[in-house]
Amino acid sequence: QVQVLESGGDSVPPGGSLKLSCTVSGVTFRRFVMAWFRQAPGREREWVSLISISDGEYYAASVQGRFTISRDNSKSTMYLQMTNLKPEDTAKYYCAAASIRDYSTSYYEATPADFQYWGQGTQVTVPS
């Protein structure tokens, strides 16, 4: 049984930093493309960042230069280091996993439909 578990969400002031974690069990983690999505109330789920099985990093324009994605295959865990947080970063952040065998979209055009496994999300709040 595949389990995806995010952690690390919190409320931080503007300009602050936060590190999210996502641990996946029940799969060969190193063979999975991993991504972060976020969803604010009343808005669609949007792609934030993706890391390939070869550690290639991809970012949405809105977070480029402020967020850093990484993975530790020995711990089956992915991370998102967020710095210089802004009120518009407020959202629930979701971890998503896709087997490399099944992933066919450009890494810069990742959509929720490209991922088979999801966590329950972790809330990040940056008050204005």
N, C-alpha and C. Protein backbone atom coordinates (compact mmCIF):
# COMPACT_ATOMS: atom_id res chain seq x y z
N GLN A 1 0.84 -1.18 0.00
CA GLN A 1 0.00 0.00 0.00
C GLN A 1 0.89 1.25 0.00
N VAL A 2 0.61 2.16 -0.92
CA VAL A 2 1.40 3.38 -1.03
C VAL A 2 0.87 4.42 -0.05
N GLN A 3 1.80 5.02 0.67
CA GLN A 3 1.43 6.11 1.57
C GLN A 3 2.32 7.31 1.30
N VAL A 4 1.68 8.47 1.26
CA VAL A 4 2.39 9.73 1.03
C VAL A 4 2.06 10.66 2.19
N LEU A 5 3.08 11.14 2.88
CA LEU A 5 2.83 11.92 4.08
C LEU A 5 3.66 13.19 4.07
N GLU A 6 2.97 14.32 4.06
CA GLU A 6 3.65 15.62 4.12
C GLU A 6 3.71 16.11 5.56
N SER A 7 4.69 16.96 5.83
CA SER A 7 4.79 17.60 7.13
C SER A 7 5.56 18.91 6.97
N GLY A 8 5.49 19.73 8.01
CA GLY A 8 6.27 20.96 8.03
C GLY A 8 5.49 22.24 7.83
N GLY A 9 4.22 22.15 7.51
CA GLY A 9 3.44 23.36 7.32
C GLY A 9 3.27 24.14 8.62
N ASP A 10 3.14 25.46 8.48
CA ASP A 10 3.02 26.33 9.65
C ASP A 10 2.60 27.71 9.21
N SER A 11 2.41 28.59 10.18
CA SER A 11 2.15 30.00 9.90
C SER A 11 3.45 30.77 10.17
N VAL A 12 3.91 31.51 9.16
CA VAL A 12 5.15 32.26 9.29
C VAL A 12 4.93 33.68 8.77
N PRO A 13 5.64 34.67 9.31
CA PRO A 13 5.47 36.05 8.84
C PRO A 13 6.07 36.23 7.46
N PRO A 14 5.64 37.25 6.74
CA PRO A 14 6.25 37.55 5.44
C PRO A 14 7.76 37.69 5.54
N GLY A 15 8.43 37.11 4.56
CA GLY A 15 9.89 37.10 4.59
C GLY A 15 10.48 35.92 5.31
N GLY A 16 9.66 35.14 5.96
CA GLY A 16 10.14 33.99 6.71
C GLY A 16 10.44 32.79 5.83
N SER A 17 10.90 31.73 6.49
CA SER A 17 11.28 30.50 5.80
C SER A 17 10.58 29.31 6.43
N LEU A 18 10.46 28.27 5.63
CA LEU A 18 9.81 27.05 6.08
C LEU A 18 10.32 25.90 5.23
N LYS A 19 10.43 24.71 5.82
CA LYS A 19 10.85 23.54 5.06
C LYS A 19 9.79 22.46 5.18
N LEU A 20 9.27 22.06 4.03
CA LEU A 20 8.30 20.98 3.98
C LEU A 20 8.99 19.66 3.67
N SER A 21 8.42 18.58 4.18
CA SER A 21 8.93 17.24 3.91
C SER A 21 7.80 16.36 3.39
N CYS A 22 8.18 15.38 2.59
CA CYS A 22 7.21 14.41 2.07
C CYS A 22 7.87 13.04 2.05
N THR A 23 7.33 12.12 2.80
CA THR A 23 7.86 10.77 2.85
C THR A 23 6.89 9.82 2.16
N VAL A 24 7.44 8.97 1.30
CA VAL A 24 6.62 8.02 0.55
C VAL A 24 7.03 6.60 0.92
N SER A 25 6.06 5.76 1.16
CA SER A 25 6.33 4.36 1.46
C SER A 25 5.53 3.48 0.52
N GLY A 26 6.02 2.26 0.31
CA GLY A 26 5.30 1.32 -0.54
C GLY A 26 5.68 1.37 -2.00
N VAL A 27 6.69 2.17 -2.35
CA VAL A 27 7.15 2.26 -3.74
C VAL A 27 8.68 2.29 -3.75
N THR A 28 9.24 2.08 -4.96
CA THR A 28 10.68 2.27 -5.13
C THR A 28 10.91 3.75 -5.38
N PHE A 29 11.16 4.47 -4.32
CA PHE A 29 11.14 5.93 -4.35
C PHE A 29 12.06 6.49 -5.44
N ARG A 30 13.22 5.93 -5.62
CA ARG A 30 14.19 6.49 -6.57
C ARG A 30 13.68 6.41 -8.01
N ARG A 31 12.65 5.63 -8.27
CA ARG A 31 12.09 5.49 -9.61
C ARG A 31 10.86 6.38 -9.80
N PHE A 32 10.63 7.30 -8.88
CA PHE A 32 9.45 8.15 -8.94
C PHE A 32 9.82 9.61 -9.15
N VAL A 33 9.10 10.24 -10.08
CA VAL A 33 9.14 11.69 -10.25
C VAL A 33 8.29 12.27 -9.13
N MET A 34 8.84 13.29 -8.46
CA MET A 34 8.16 13.87 -7.31
C MET A 34 7.88 15.34 -7.54
N ALA A 35 6.77 15.81 -6.99
CA ALA A 35 6.42 17.22 -7.20
C ALA A 35 5.66 17.78 -6.00
N TRP A 36 5.66 19.08 -5.94
CA TRP A 36 4.82 19.82 -5.00
C TRP A 36 3.80 20.63 -5.79
N PHE A 37 2.57 20.57 -5.32
CA PHE A 37 1.49 21.40 -5.81
C PHE A 37 0.95 22.19 -4.62
N ARG A 38 0.18 23.23 -4.91
CA ARG A 38 -0.48 23.96 -3.83
C ARG A 38 -1.86 24.40 -4.29
N GLN A 39 -2.71 24.59 -3.31
CA GLN A 39 -4.08 25.01 -3.61
C GLN A 39 -4.56 25.97 -2.54
N ALA A 40 -4.92 27.16 -2.98
CA ALA A 40 -5.48 28.17 -2.09
C ALA A 40 -7.00 28.08 -2.17
N PRO A 41 -7.71 28.54 -1.15
CA PRO A 41 -9.18 28.48 -1.16
C PRO A 41 -9.75 29.16 -2.41
N GLY A 42 -10.66 28.48 -3.09
CA GLY A 42 -11.31 29.04 -4.25
C GLY A 42 -10.49 29.03 -5.52
N ARG A 43 -9.33 28.41 -5.47
CA ARG A 43 -8.46 28.39 -6.64
C ARG A 43 -8.12 26.95 -7.02
N GLU A 44 -7.69 26.79 -8.27
CA GLU A 44 -7.29 25.46 -8.73
C GLU A 44 -5.94 25.07 -8.14
N ARG A 45 -5.71 23.77 -8.10
CA ARG A 45 -4.43 23.28 -7.64
C ARG A 45 -3.37 23.63 -8.68
N GLU A 46 -2.27 24.23 -8.24
CA GLU A 46 -1.24 24.66 -9.16
C GLU A 46 0.09 24.00 -8.85
N TRP A 47 0.83 23.76 -9.92
CA TRP A 47 2.14 23.16 -9.79
C TRP A 47 3.13 24.17 -9.21
N VAL A 48 3.98 23.71 -8.29
CA VAL A 48 4.97 24.56 -7.66
C VAL A 48 6.39 24.17 -8.09
N SER A 49 6.70 22.88 -7.97
CA SER A 49 8.06 22.44 -8.26
C SER A 49 8.06 20.94 -8.50
N LEU A 50 9.09 20.48 -9.22
CA LEU A 50 9.23 19.06 -9.54
C LEU A 50 10.70 18.68 -9.49
N ILE A 51 10.96 17.44 -9.06
CA ILE A 51 12.32 16.92 -9.09
C ILE A 51 12.28 15.57 -9.78
N SER A 52 13.16 15.41 -10.76
CA SER A 52 13.17 14.19 -11.54
C SER A 52 13.95 13.08 -10.82
N ILE A 53 13.98 11.90 -11.42
CA ILE A 53 14.70 10.80 -10.80
C ILE A 53 16.21 11.02 -10.87
N SER A 54 16.64 11.93 -11.73
CA SER A 54 18.06 12.26 -11.82
C SER A 54 18.39 13.57 -11.13
N ASP A 55 17.49 14.00 -10.24
CA ASP A 55 17.66 15.22 -9.42
C ASP A 55 17.58 16.52 -10.20
N GLY A 56 17.00 16.48 -11.41
CA GLY A 56 16.74 17.73 -12.11
C GLY A 56 15.66 18.51 -11.38
N GLU A 57 15.85 19.83 -11.24
CA GLU A 57 14.93 20.66 -10.48
C GLU A 57 14.17 21.60 -11.42
N TYR A 58 12.86 21.72 -11.19
CA TYR A 58 12.01 22.53 -12.03
C TYR A 58 11.07 23.34 -11.14
N TYR A 59 10.90 24.62 -11.48
CA TYR A 59 10.12 25.52 -10.63
C TYR A 59 9.13 26.34 -11.44
N ALA A 60 7.99 26.61 -10.82
CA ALA A 60 7.08 27.59 -11.38
C ALA A 60 7.71 28.97 -11.25
N ALA A 61 7.38 29.85 -12.17
CA ALA A 61 7.97 31.19 -12.19
C ALA A 61 7.73 31.93 -10.87
N SER A 62 6.58 31.68 -10.25
CA SER A 62 6.21 32.40 -9.04
C SER A 62 7.09 32.07 -7.84
N VAL A 63 7.80 30.95 -7.89
CA VAL A 63 8.63 30.55 -6.75
C VAL A 63 10.10 30.43 -7.11
N GLN A 64 10.43 30.59 -8.39
CA GLN A 64 11.82 30.49 -8.82
C GLN A 64 12.69 31.45 -8.04
N GLY A 65 13.81 30.95 -7.51
CA GLY A 65 14.73 31.80 -6.75
C GLY A 65 14.40 31.89 -5.27
N ARG A 66 13.22 31.44 -4.87
CA ARG A 66 12.84 31.48 -3.46
C ARG A 66 12.68 30.09 -2.86
N PHE A 67 12.27 29.14 -3.66
CA PHE A 67 12.05 27.76 -3.21
C PHE A 67 13.12 26.84 -3.77
N THR A 68 13.48 25.81 -2.99
CA THR A 68 14.43 24.81 -3.44
C THR A 68 13.88 23.42 -3.15
N ILE A 69 13.80 22.61 -4.18
CA ILE A 69 13.31 21.24 -4.03
C ILE A 69 14.51 20.30 -3.96
N SER A 70 14.37 19.24 -3.19
CA SER A 70 15.44 18.25 -3.09
C SER A 70 14.83 16.90 -2.70
N ARG A 71 15.64 15.86 -2.81
CA ARG A 71 15.18 14.54 -2.43
C ARG A 71 16.32 13.75 -1.82
N ASP A 72 15.96 12.85 -0.92
CA ASP A 72 16.92 11.92 -0.31
C ASP A 72 16.37 10.52 -0.53
N ASN A 73 16.88 9.85 -1.54
CA ASN A 73 16.35 8.52 -1.88
C ASN A 73 16.57 7.51 -0.75
N SER A 74 17.62 7.69 0.04
CA SER A 74 17.88 6.76 1.14
C SER A 74 16.81 6.85 2.23
N LYS A 75 16.11 7.98 2.25
CA LYS A 75 15.04 8.18 3.25
C LYS A 75 13.66 8.21 2.61
N SER A 76 13.61 8.00 1.29
CA SER A 76 12.33 8.06 0.55
C SER A 76 11.59 9.35 0.85
N THR A 77 12.33 10.42 0.88
CA THR A 77 11.78 11.70 1.29
C THR A 77 12.16 12.82 0.32
N MET A 78 11.21 13.69 0.08
CA MET A 78 11.41 14.89 -0.73
C MET A 78 11.22 16.10 0.17
N TYR A 79 11.89 17.20 -0.18
CA TYR A 79 11.81 18.40 0.63
C TYR A 79 11.49 19.61 -0.25
N LEU A 80 10.94 20.64 0.40
CA LEU A 80 10.77 21.93 -0.25
C LEU A 80 11.20 23.00 0.74
N GLN A 81 12.35 23.59 0.49
CA GLN A 81 12.83 24.70 1.31
C GLN A 81 12.26 25.99 0.73
N MET A 82 11.49 26.69 1.53
CA MET A 82 10.84 27.91 1.09
C MET A 82 11.42 29.10 1.84
N THR A 83 11.86 30.10 1.12
CA THR A 83 12.40 31.31 1.74
C THR A 83 11.67 32.54 1.20
N ASN A 84 11.86 33.67 1.89
CA ASN A 84 11.22 34.92 1.48
C ASN A 84 9.73 34.70 1.18
N LEU A 85 9.06 34.06 2.11
CA LEU A 85 7.65 33.73 1.89
C LEU A 85 6.79 34.98 1.81
N LYS A 86 5.78 34.90 0.97
CA LYS A 86 4.87 36.03 0.73
C LYS A 86 3.44 35.60 1.05
N PRO A 87 2.56 36.55 1.32
CA PRO A 87 1.16 36.19 1.60
C PRO A 87 0.53 35.37 0.47
N GLU A 88 0.94 35.61 -0.76
CA GLU A 88 0.39 34.85 -1.88
C GLU A 88 0.87 33.41 -1.93
N ASP A 89 1.81 33.04 -1.06
CA ASP A 89 2.23 31.65 -0.95
C ASP A 89 1.30 30.85 -0.04
N THR A 90 0.39 31.53 0.62
CA THR A 90 -0.56 30.86 1.50
C THR A 90 -1.39 29.86 0.72
N ALA A 91 -1.36 28.61 1.16
CA ALA A 91 -2.08 27.54 0.47
C ALA A 91 -1.86 26.23 1.22
N LYS A 92 -2.60 25.24 0.80
CA LYS A 92 -2.31 23.89 1.27
C LYS A 92 -1.36 23.27 0.24
N TYR A 93 -0.26 22.75 0.72
CA TYR A 93 0.77 22.20 -0.15
C TYR A 93 0.67 20.68 -0.17
N TYR A 94 0.65 20.15 -1.39
CA TYR A 94 0.48 18.72 -1.60
C TYR A 94 1.72 18.11 -2.24
N CYS A 95 2.08 16.93 -1.78
CA CYS A 95 3.14 16.14 -2.37
C CYS A 95 2.52 15.17 -3.36
N ALA A 96 3.16 15.01 -4.50
CA ALA A 96 2.65 14.10 -5.53
C ALA A 96 3.77 13.23 -6.06
N ALA A 97 3.43 11.97 -6.39
CA ALA A 97 4.43 11.02 -6.87
C ALA A 97 3.93 10.33 -8.13
N ALA A 98 4.85 10.16 -9.09
CA ALA A 98 4.53 9.48 -10.34
C ALA A 98 5.66 8.55 -10.73
N SER A 99 5.31 7.33 -11.06
CA SER A 99 6.32 6.40 -11.53
C SER A 99 6.93 6.90 -12.83
N ILE A 100 8.23 6.81 -12.98
CA ILE A 100 8.89 7.26 -14.20
C ILE A 100 8.37 6.51 -15.42
N ARG A 101 7.87 5.29 -15.20
CA ARG A 101 7.32 4.51 -16.32
C ARG A 101 6.06 5.14 -16.88
N ASP A 102 5.34 5.86 -16.03
CA ASP A 102 4.04 6.39 -16.41
C ASP A 102 4.06 7.88 -16.71
N TYR A 103 5.17 8.55 -16.43
CA TYR A 103 5.21 10.01 -16.59
C TYR A 103 5.65 10.36 -17.99
N SER A 104 4.85 11.19 -18.69
CA SER A 104 5.16 11.50 -20.08
C SER A 104 5.10 12.99 -20.39
N THR A 105 4.66 13.80 -19.44
CA THR A 105 4.53 15.24 -19.69
C THR A 105 5.87 15.94 -19.49
N SER A 106 6.03 17.07 -20.16
CA SER A 106 7.20 17.90 -19.91
C SER A 106 7.26 18.26 -18.43
N TYR A 107 8.45 18.27 -17.87
CA TYR A 107 8.59 18.56 -16.45
C TYR A 107 8.16 19.98 -16.11
N TYR A 108 8.18 20.88 -17.08
CA TYR A 108 7.74 22.25 -16.84
C TYR A 108 6.23 22.41 -16.99
N GLU A 109 5.56 21.36 -17.43
CA GLU A 109 4.11 21.44 -17.67
C GLU A 109 3.36 20.41 -16.85
N ALA A 110 3.91 20.07 -15.69
CA ALA A 110 3.28 19.07 -14.84
C ALA A 110 1.87 19.49 -14.43
N THR A 111 0.97 18.55 -14.46
CA THR A 111 -0.41 18.79 -14.03
C THR A 111 -0.78 17.73 -13.00
N PRO A 112 -1.80 17.98 -12.20
CA PRO A 112 -2.22 16.96 -11.23
C PRO A 112 -2.51 15.60 -11.86
N ALA A 113 -3.00 15.60 -13.08
CA ALA A 113 -3.36 14.34 -13.74
C ALA A 113 -2.15 13.45 -14.03
N ASP A 114 -0.96 14.04 -13.98
CA ASP A 114 0.26 13.27 -14.28
C ASP A 114 0.73 12.42 -13.10
N PHE A 115 0.13 12.59 -11.93
CA PHE A 115 0.62 11.95 -10.72
C PHE A 115 -0.40 10.98 -10.16
N GLN A 116 0.09 9.80 -9.77
CA GLN A 116 -0.78 8.73 -9.29
C GLN A 116 -1.03 8.78 -7.79
N TYR A 117 -0.06 9.29 -7.06
CA TYR A 117 -0.17 9.22 -5.61
C TYR A 117 -0.06 10.61 -4.99
N TRP A 118 -0.88 10.85 -3.99
CA TRP A 118 -0.97 12.16 -3.35
C TRP A 118 -1.02 12.03 -1.84
N GLY A 119 -0.46 13.05 -1.18
CA GLY A 119 -0.63 13.17 0.24
C GLY A 119 -1.87 13.97 0.58
N GLN A 120 -2.11 14.12 1.86
CA GLN A 120 -3.29 14.85 2.33
C GLN A 120 -3.07 16.35 2.39
N GLY A 121 -1.82 16.78 2.27
CA GLY A 121 -1.52 18.20 2.26
C GLY A 121 -1.09 18.73 3.62
N THR A 122 -0.35 19.82 3.58
CA THR A 122 0.08 20.50 4.79
C THR A 122 -0.10 22.01 4.56
N GLN A 123 -0.66 22.69 5.56
CA GLN A 123 -1.05 24.08 5.39
C GLN A 123 0.11 25.03 5.65
N VAL A 124 0.30 25.96 4.71
CA VAL A 124 1.28 27.03 4.87
C VAL A 124 0.51 28.35 4.86
N THR A 125 0.71 29.14 5.90
CA THR A 125 0.01 30.42 6.00
C THR A 125 1.01 31.54 6.21
N VAL A 126 0.92 32.55 5.37
CA VAL A 126 1.77 33.73 5.47
C VAL A 126 0.84 34.93 5.60
N PRO A 127 0.60 35.41 6.81
CA PRO A 127 -0.36 36.50 7.00
C PRO A 127 0.11 37.77 6.31
N SER A 128 -0.87 38.53 5.80
CA SER A 128 -0.53 39.80 5.15
C SER A 128 -0.50 40.93 6.16
